[in-house]
PDB file of N, CA and C in Angstrom:
ATOM      1  N   UNK A   1      65.186  -3.106  77.381  1.00  0.00           N
ATOM      2  CA  UNK A   1      64.810  -3.841  76.470  1.00  0.00           C
ATOM      3  C   UNK A   1      63.632  -3.403  75.561  1.00  0.00           C
ATOM      4  N   UNK A   2      62.430  -2.969  76.094  1.00  0.00           N
ATOM      5  CA  UNK A   2      61.344  -2.265  75.264  1.00  0.00           C
ATOM      6  C   UNK A   2      61.637  -1.100  74.556  1.00  0.00           C
ATOM      7  N   UNK A   3      62.768  -0.213  75.507  1.00  0.00           N
ATOM      8  CA  UNK A   3      63.306   1.017  74.718  1.00  0.00           C
ATOM      9  C   UNK A   3      64.005   0.666  73.437  1.00  0.00           C
ATOM     10  N   UNK A   4      64.838  -0.133  73.395  1.00  0.00           N
ATOM     11  CA  UNK A   4      65.535  -0.598  72.196  1.00  0.00           C
ATOM     12  C   UNK A   4      64.852  -0.938  71.476  1.00  0.00           C
ATOM     13  N   UNK A   5      63.505  -1.675  71.619  1.00  0.00           N
ATOM     14  CA  UNK A   5      63.028  -1.867  70.300  1.00  0.00           C
ATOM     15  C   UNK A   5      62.174  -0.657  69.693  1.00  0.00           C
ATOM     16  N   UNK A   6      61.862  -0.028  70.743  1.00  0.00           N
ATOM     17  CA  UNK A   6      61.173   1.200  70.257  1.00  0.00           C
ATOM     18  C   UNK A   6      62.076   2.275  69.300  1.00  0.00           C
ATOM     19  N   UNK A   7      63.254   2.385  69.878  1.00  0.00           N
ATOM     20  CA  UNK A   7      64.528   2.815  69.128  1.00  0.00           C
ATOM     21  C   UNK A   7      64.857   2.497  67.840  1.00  0.00           C
ATOM     22  N   UNK A   8      64.631   0.953  67.913  1.00  0.00           N
ATOM     23  CA  UNK A   8      64.935   0.373  66.646  1.00  0.00           C
ATOM     24  C   UNK A   8      63.822   0.696  65.740  1.00  0.00           C
ATOM     25  N   UNK A   9      62.442   0.850  66.016  1.00  0.00           N
ATOM     26  CA  UNK A   9      61.482   0.745  65.438  1.00  0.00           C
ATOM     27  C   UNK A   9      61.422   2.184  64.577  1.00  0.00           C
ATOM     28  N   UNK A  10      61.681   3.304  65.605  1.00  0.00           N
ATOM     29  CA  UNK A  10      61.887   4.433  64.968  1.00  0.00           C
ATOM     30  C   UNK A  10      62.853   4.703  63.849  1.00  0.00           C
ATOM     31  N   UNK A  11      63.978   4.162  64.293  1.00  0.00           N
ATOM     32  CA  UNK A  11      64.914   4.031  63.157  1.00  0.00           C
ATOM     33  C   UNK A  11      64.647   3.529  61.639  1.00  0.00           C
ATOM     34  N   UNK A  12      63.789   2.657  62.267  1.00  0.00           N
ATOM     35  CA  UNK A  12      63.667   1.857  60.878  1.00  0.00           C
ATOM     36  C   UNK A  12      62.251   2.613  59.844  1.00  0.00           C
ATOM     37  N   UNK A  13      61.355   2.983  60.580  1.00  0.00           N
ATOM     38  CA  UNK A  13      60.268   3.680  60.369  1.00  0.00           C
ATOM     39  C   UNK A  13      60.483   5.059  59.755  1.00  0.00           C
ATOM     40  N   UNK A  14      61.181   5.872  60.264  1.00  0.00           N
ATOM     41  CA  UNK A  14      61.672   7.241  59.979  1.00  0.00           C
ATOM     42  C   UNK A  14      61.952   7.441  58.884  1.00  0.00           C
ATOM     43  N   UNK A  15      62.943   6.624  58.218  1.00  0.00           N
ATOM     44  CA  UNK A  15      63.263   7.014  57.149  1.00  0.00           C
ATOM     45  C   UNK A  15      62.497   6.742  55.826  1.00  0.00           C
ATOM     46  N   UNK A  16      61.281   6.170  56.117  1.00  0.00           N
ATOM     47  CA  UNK A  16      60.334   5.908  55.249  1.00  0.00           C
ATOM     48  C   UNK A  16      59.470   6.995  54.919  1.00  0.00           C
ATOM     49  N   UNK A  17      59.268   7.596  56.091  1.00  0.00           N
ATOM     50  CA  UNK A  17      58.047   8.988  55.937  1.00  0.00           C
ATOM     51  C   UNK A  17      58.621  10.159  55.082  1.00  0.00           C
ATOM     52  N   UNK A  18      57.888  10.886  54.184  1.00  0.00           N
ATOM     53  CA  UNK A  18      58.228  11.870  53.705  1.00  0.00           C
ATOM     54  C   UNK A  18      58.625  13.065  54.537  1.00  0.00           C
ATOM     55  N   UNK A  19      59.456  14.006  53.894  1.00  0.00           N
ATOM     56  CA  UNK A  19      59.876  15.094  54.577  1.00  0.00           C
ATOM     57  C   UNK A  19      58.578  15.978  55.538  1.00  0.00           C
ATOM     58  N   UNK A  20      57.426  15.946  54.996  1.00  0.00           N
ATOM     59  CA  UNK A  20      56.347  16.717  55.393  1.00  0.00           C
ATOM     60  C   UNK A  20      55.795  15.878  56.686  1.00  0.00           C
ATOM     61  N   UNK A  21      55.743  14.548  56.608  1.00  0.00           N
ATOM     62  CA  UNK A  21      55.299  13.728  57.613  1.00  0.00           C
ATOM     63  C   UNK A  21      56.102  13.718  58.725  1.00  0.00           C
ATOM     64  N   UNK A  22      57.503  13.507  58.572  1.00  0.00           N
ATOM     65  CA  UNK A  22      58.414  13.739  59.457  1.00  0.00           C
ATOM     66  C   UNK A  22      58.432  15.185  60.325  1.00  0.00           C
ATOM     67  N   UNK A  23      58.230  16.000  59.829  1.00  0.00           N
ATOM     68  CA  UNK A  23      57.999  17.563  60.276  1.00  0.00           C
ATOM     69  C   UNK A  23      56.561  17.582  61.114  1.00  0.00           C
ATOM     70  N   UNK A  24      55.559  17.219  60.826  1.00  0.00           N
ATOM     71  CA  UNK A  24      54.346  16.862  61.449  1.00  0.00           C
ATOM     72  C   UNK A  24      54.666  15.815  62.599  1.00  0.00           C
ATOM     73  N   UNK A  25      55.205  14.799  62.631  1.00  0.00           N
ATOM     74  CA  UNK A  25      55.430  14.391  63.750  1.00  0.00           C
ATOM     75  C   UNK A  25      56.489  15.140  64.839  1.00  0.00           C
ATOM     76  N   UNK A  26      57.552  15.532  64.583  1.00  0.00           N
ATOM     77  CA  UNK A  26      58.217  16.101  65.203  1.00  0.00           C
ATOM     78  C   UNK A  26      57.392  17.494  65.979  1.00  0.00           C
ATOM     79  N   UNK A  27      56.740  18.152  64.947  1.00  0.00           N
ATOM     80  CA  UNK A  27      55.775  19.143  65.649  1.00  0.00           C
ATOM     81  C   UNK A  27      55.157  18.443  66.834  1.00  0.00           C
ATOM     82  N   UNK A  28      54.432  17.239  66.578  1.00  0.00           N
ATOM     83  CA  UNK A  28      53.534  16.934  67.410  1.00  0.00           C
ATOM     84  C   UNK A  28      54.402  16.550  68.977  1.00  0.00           C
ATOM     85  N   UNK A  29      55.455  15.951  68.347  1.00  0.00           N
ATOM     86  CA  UNK A  29      56.497  15.433  69.689  1.00  0.00           C
ATOM     87  C   UNK A  29      56.833  17.038  70.343  1.00  0.00           C
ATOM     88  N   UNK A  30      57.323  17.916  69.678  1.00  0.00           N
ATOM     89  CA  UNK A  30      57.664  19.146  70.575  1.00  0.00           C
ATOM     90  C   UNK A  30      56.729  19.490  71.396  1.00  0.00           C
ATOM     91  N   UNK A  31      55.307  19.435  71.038  1.00  0.00           N
ATOM     92  CA  UNK A  31      54.149  20.286  71.335  1.00  0.00           C
ATOM     93  C   UNK A  31      53.740  19.273  72.584  1.00  0.00           C
ATOM     94  N   UNK A  32      53.645  18.047  72.560  1.00  0.00           N
ATOM     95  CA  UNK A  32      53.354  17.330  73.665  1.00  0.00           C
ATOM     96  C   UNK A  32      54.547  17.527  74.833  1.00  0.00           C
ATOM     97  N   UNK A  33      55.893  17.518  74.668  1.00  0.00           N
ATOM     98  CA  UNK A  33      56.853  17.709  75.496  1.00  0.00           C
ATOM     99  C   UNK A  33      56.840  19.202  76.149  1.00  0.00           C
ATOM    100  N   UNK A  34      56.130  20.042  75.413  1.00  0.00           N
ATOM    101  CA  UNK A  34      56.028  21.675  75.782  1.00  0.00           C
ATOM    102  C   UNK A  34      54.846  21.303  77.125  1.00  0.00           C
ATOM    103  N   UNK A  35      53.839  20.705  76.504  1.00  0.00           N
ATOM    104  CA  UNK A  35      52.937  20.592  77.258  1.00  0.00           C
ATOM    105  C   UNK A  35      53.369  20.155  78.989  1.00  0.00           C
ATOM    106  N   UNK A  36      54.187  19.483  78.747  1.00  0.00           N
ATOM    107  CA  UNK A  36      54.567  18.955  80.259  1.00  0.00           C
ATOM    108  C   UNK A  36      55.586  19.924  80.643  1.00  0.00           C
ATOM    109  N   UNK A  37      56.240  20.529  80.506  1.00  0.00           N
ATOM    110  CA  UNK A  37      57.680  21.586  80.882  1.00  0.00           C
ATOM    111  C   UNK A  37      56.816  22.788  81.169  1.00  0.00           C
ATOM    112  N   UNK A  38      56.181  23.290  80.603  1.00  0.00           N
ATOM    113  CA  UNK A  38      55.659  24.466  80.816  1.00  0.00           C
ATOM    114  C   UNK A  38      54.024  24.489  81.066  1.00  0.00           C
ATOM    115  N   UNK A  39      53.782  24.780  82.296  1.00  0.00           N
ATOM    116  CA  UNK A  39      52.476  24.838  82.602  1.00  0.00           C
ATOM    117  C   UNK A  39      51.765  26.266  81.925  1.00  0.00           C
ATOM    118  N   UNK A  40      50.446  25.916  81.662  1.00  0.00           N
ATOM    119  CA  UNK A  40      49.861  27.334  81.190  1.00  0.00           C
ATOM    120  C   UNK A  40      49.636  28.133  82.394  1.00  0.00           C
ATOM    121  N   UNK A  41      49.988  29.470  82.349  1.00  0.00           N
ATOM    122  CA  UNK A  41      50.046  30.649  83.277  1.00  0.00           C
ATOM    123  C   UNK A  41      48.958  31.684  82.859  1.00  0.00           C
ATOM    124  N   UNK A  42      48.151  32.037  83.726  1.00  0.00           N
ATOM    125  CA  UNK A  42      47.422  33.081  83.305  1.00  0.00           C
ATOM    126  C   UNK A  42      48.010  34.257  84.017  1.00  0.00           C
ATOM    127  N   UNK A  43      47.558  35.728  83.906  1.00  0.00           N
ATOM    128  CA  UNK A  43      47.887  36.841  84.075  1.00  0.00           C
ATOM    129  C   UNK A  43      46.876  37.102  85.324  1.00  0.00           C
ATOM    130  N   UNK A  44      47.360  37.813  86.449  1.00  0.00           N
ATOM    131  CA  UNK A  44      46.603  38.081  87.805  1.00  0.00           C
ATOM    132  C   UNK A  44      45.309  38.816  87.337  1.00  0.00           C
ATOM    133  N   UNK A  45      45.224  39.515  86.053  1.00  0.00           N
ATOM    134  CA  UNK A  45      44.212  40.075  85.805  1.00  0.00           C
ATOM    135  C   UNK A  45      43.152  39.116  85.231  1.00  0.00           C
ATOM    136  N   UNK A  46      43.674  38.186  84.493  1.00  0.00           N
ATOM    137  CA  UNK A  46      42.835  36.936  83.754  1.00  0.00           C
ATOM    138  C   UNK A  46      42.155  36.231  85.032  1.00  0.00           C
ATOM    139  N   UNK A  47      43.006  35.813  86.159  1.00  0.00           N
ATOM    140  CA  UNK A  47      42.791  34.962  87.141  1.00  0.00           C
ATOM    141  C   UNK A  47      41.624  35.882  87.947  1.00  0.00           C
ATOM    142  N   UNK A  48      41.872  37.115  88.328  1.00  0.00           N
ATOM    143  CA  UNK A  48      40.929  38.010  88.913  1.00  0.00           C
ATOM    144  C   UNK A  48      39.446  37.805  88.293  1.00  0.00           C
ATOM    145  N   UNK A  49      39.669  37.897  87.074  1.00  0.00           N
ATOM    146  CA  UNK A  49      38.135  38.035  86.303  1.00  0.00           C
ATOM    147  C   UNK A  49      37.597  36.507  86.272  1.00  0.00           C
ATOM    148  N   UNK A  50      38.213  35.602  86.114  1.00  0.00           N
ATOM    149  CA  UNK A  50      37.850  34.179  86.147  1.00  0.00           C
ATOM    150  C   UNK A  50      36.925  34.231  87.608  1.00  0.00           C
ATOM    151  N   UNK A  51      37.646  34.511  88.902  1.00  0.00           N
ATOM    152  CA  UNK A  51      37.369  34.467  89.963  1.00  0.00           C
ATOM    153  C   UNK A  51      35.762  35.499  90.152  1.00  0.00           C
ATOM    154  N   UNK A  52      35.810  36.596  89.448  1.00  0.00           N
ATOM    155  CA  UNK A  52      34.795  37.263  89.560  1.00  0.00           C
ATOM    156  C   UNK A  52      33.370  37.125  89.115  1.00  0.00           C
ATOM    157  N   UNK A  53      33.761  36.000  87.535  1.00  0.00           N
ATOM    158  CA  UNK A  53      32.900  35.705  86.946  1.00  0.00           C
ATOM    159  C   UNK A  53      32.034  34.499  87.689  1.00  0.00           C
ATOM    160  N   UNK A  54      32.991  33.772  88.205  1.00  0.00           N
ATOM    161  CA  UNK A  54      32.670  32.338  89.205  1.00  0.00           C
ATOM    162  C   UNK A  54      31.769  32.989  90.215  1.00  0.00           C
ATOM    163  N   UNK A  55      31.843  34.316  90.917  1.00  0.00           N
ATOM    164  CA  UNK A  55      31.332  34.504  91.956  1.00  0.00           C
ATOM    165  C   UNK A  55      29.709  34.933  91.321  1.00  0.00           C
ATOM    166  N   UNK A  56      29.681  35.777  90.388  1.00  0.00           N
ATOM    167  CA  UNK A  56      28.464  35.918  89.785  1.00  0.00           C
ATOM    168  C   UNK A  56      27.798  35.041  89.279  1.00  0.00           C
ATOM    169  N   UNK A  57      28.218  33.736  88.955  1.00  0.00           N
ATOM    170  CA  UNK A  57      27.489  32.640  88.702  1.00  0.00           C
ATOM    171  C   UNK A  57      26.869  31.928  89.904  1.00  0.00           C
ATOM    172  N   UNK A  58      27.696  32.045  90.681  1.00  0.00           N
ATOM    173  CA  UNK A  58      27.136  31.566  92.042  1.00  0.00           C
ATOM    174  C   UNK A  58      26.174  32.339  92.829  1.00  0.00           C
ATOM    175  N   UNK A  59      26.378  33.506  92.701  1.00  0.00           N
ATOM    176  CA  UNK A  59      25.135  34.742  93.191  1.00  0.00           C
ATOM    177  C   UNK A  59      23.803  34.587  92.182  1.00  0.00           C
ATOM    178  N   UNK A  60      24.060  34.299  91.046  1.00  0.00           N
ATOM    179  CA  UNK A  60      22.693  33.900  90.190  1.00  0.00           C
ATOM    180  C   UNK A  60      22.318  32.776  90.198  1.00  0.00           C
ATOM    181  N   UNK A  61      22.816  31.738  90.742  1.00  0.00           N
ATOM    182  CA  UNK A  61      22.552  30.504  91.267  1.00  0.00           C
ATOM    183  C   UNK A  61      22.948  29.330  90.390  1.00  0.00           C
ATOM    184  N   UNK A  62      23.954  30.056  89.493  1.00  0.00           N
ATOM    185  CA  UNK A  62      24.422  28.904  88.518  1.00  0.00           C
ATOM    186  C   UNK A  62      25.525  27.922  89.191  1.00  0.00           C
ATOM    187  N   UNK A  63      24.950  27.102  89.959  1.00  0.00           N
ATOM    188  CA  UNK A  63      26.151  25.967  90.402  1.00  0.00           C
ATOM    189  C   UNK A  63      25.532  24.931  90.766  1.00  0.00           C
ATOM    190  N   UNK A  64      26.033  23.882  91.011  1.00  0.00           N
ATOM    191  CA  UNK A  64      25.464  22.460  91.585  1.00  0.00           C
ATOM    192  C   UNK A  64      25.962  22.377  93.152  1.00  0.00           C
ATOM    193  N   UNK A  65      24.825  21.588  93.995  1.00  0.00           N
ATOM    194  CA  UNK A  65      25.522  21.068  95.389  1.00  0.00           C
ATOM    195  C   UNK A  65      26.212  19.632  95.210  1.00  0.00           C
ATOM    196  N   UNK A  66      26.756  19.856  96.433  1.00  0.00           N
ATOM    197  CA  UNK A  66      27.602  18.609  96.139  1.00  0.00           C
ATOM    198  C   UNK A  66      26.843  17.363  96.180  1.00  0.00           C
ATOM    199  N   UNK A  67      25.476  17.244  96.571  1.00  0.00           N
ATOM    200  CA  UNK A  67      24.688  16.454  96.746  1.00  0.00           C
ATOM    201  C   UNK A  67      24.170  15.965  94.944  1.00  0.00           C
ATOM    202  N   UNK A  68      24.085  17.139  94.147  1.00  0.00           N
ATOM    203  CA  UNK A  68      23.812  17.126  92.875  1.00  0.00           C
ATOM    204  C   UNK A  68      24.849  16.533  92.002  1.00  0.00           C
ATOM    205  N   UNK A  69      26.155  16.804  92.503  1.00  0.00           N
ATOM    206  CA  UNK A  69      27.059  16.385  91.737  1.00  0.00           C
ATOM    207  C   UNK A  69      27.213  14.905  91.848  1.00  0.00           C
ATOM    208  N   UNK A  70      27.073  14.482  93.134  1.00  0.00           N
ATOM    209  CA  UNK A  70      27.379  13.038  93.557  1.00  0.00           C
ATOM    210  C   UNK A  70      26.175  11.876  92.873  1.00  0.00           C
ATOM    211  N   UNK A  71      24.886  12.646  92.743  1.00  0.00           N
ATOM    212  CA  UNK A  71      23.790  12.192  91.963  1.00  0.00           C
ATOM    213  C   UNK A  71      24.258  11.934  90.306  1.00  0.00           C
ATOM    214  N   UNK A  72      24.828  12.822  89.851  1.00  0.00           N
ATOM    215  CA  UNK A  72      25.032  12.905  88.682  1.00  0.00           C
ATOM    216  C   UNK A  72      26.185  12.221  88.001  1.00  0.00           C
ATOM    217  N   UNK A  73      27.051  12.058  89.135  1.00  0.00           N
ATOM    218  CA  UNK A  73      28.304  11.281  89.030  1.00  0.00           C
ATOM    219  C   UNK A  73      27.819   9.630  88.918  1.00  0.00           C
ATOM    220  N   UNK A  74      26.756   9.341  89.364  1.00  0.00           N
ATOM    221  CA  UNK A  74      26.331   8.016  89.131  1.00  0.00           C
ATOM    222  C   UNK A  74      25.775   7.549  87.984  1.00  0.00           C
ATOM    223  N   UNK A  75      25.417   8.385  87.130  1.00  0.00           N
ATOM    224  CA  UNK A  75      25.143   8.211  85.852  1.00  0.00           C
ATOM    225  C   UNK A  75      26.283   7.897  84.460  1.00  0.00           C
ATOM    226  N   UNK A  76      27.602   8.503  85.324  1.00  0.00           N
ATOM    227  CA  UNK A  76      28.735   8.345  84.285  1.00  0.00           C
ATOM    228  C   UNK A  76      29.048   7.158  83.922  1.00  0.00           C
TER     229      UNK A  76
END
């Protein structure tokens, strides 16, 4: 039932939009669906660089302990 209402609303309002507005909305819908269908992949080089960067941050002391994160989350 709700689907019919949505469909009928879309059919009612769509023709009232300017062509540029329709294109904009259609682009938005396509990008939304693309995000669901195709996960963003990185190359093995990018993946390895991210790991190397993370290791460097940890070695330089740039990290939070579990206890620190627990305390920070209490303030959210």
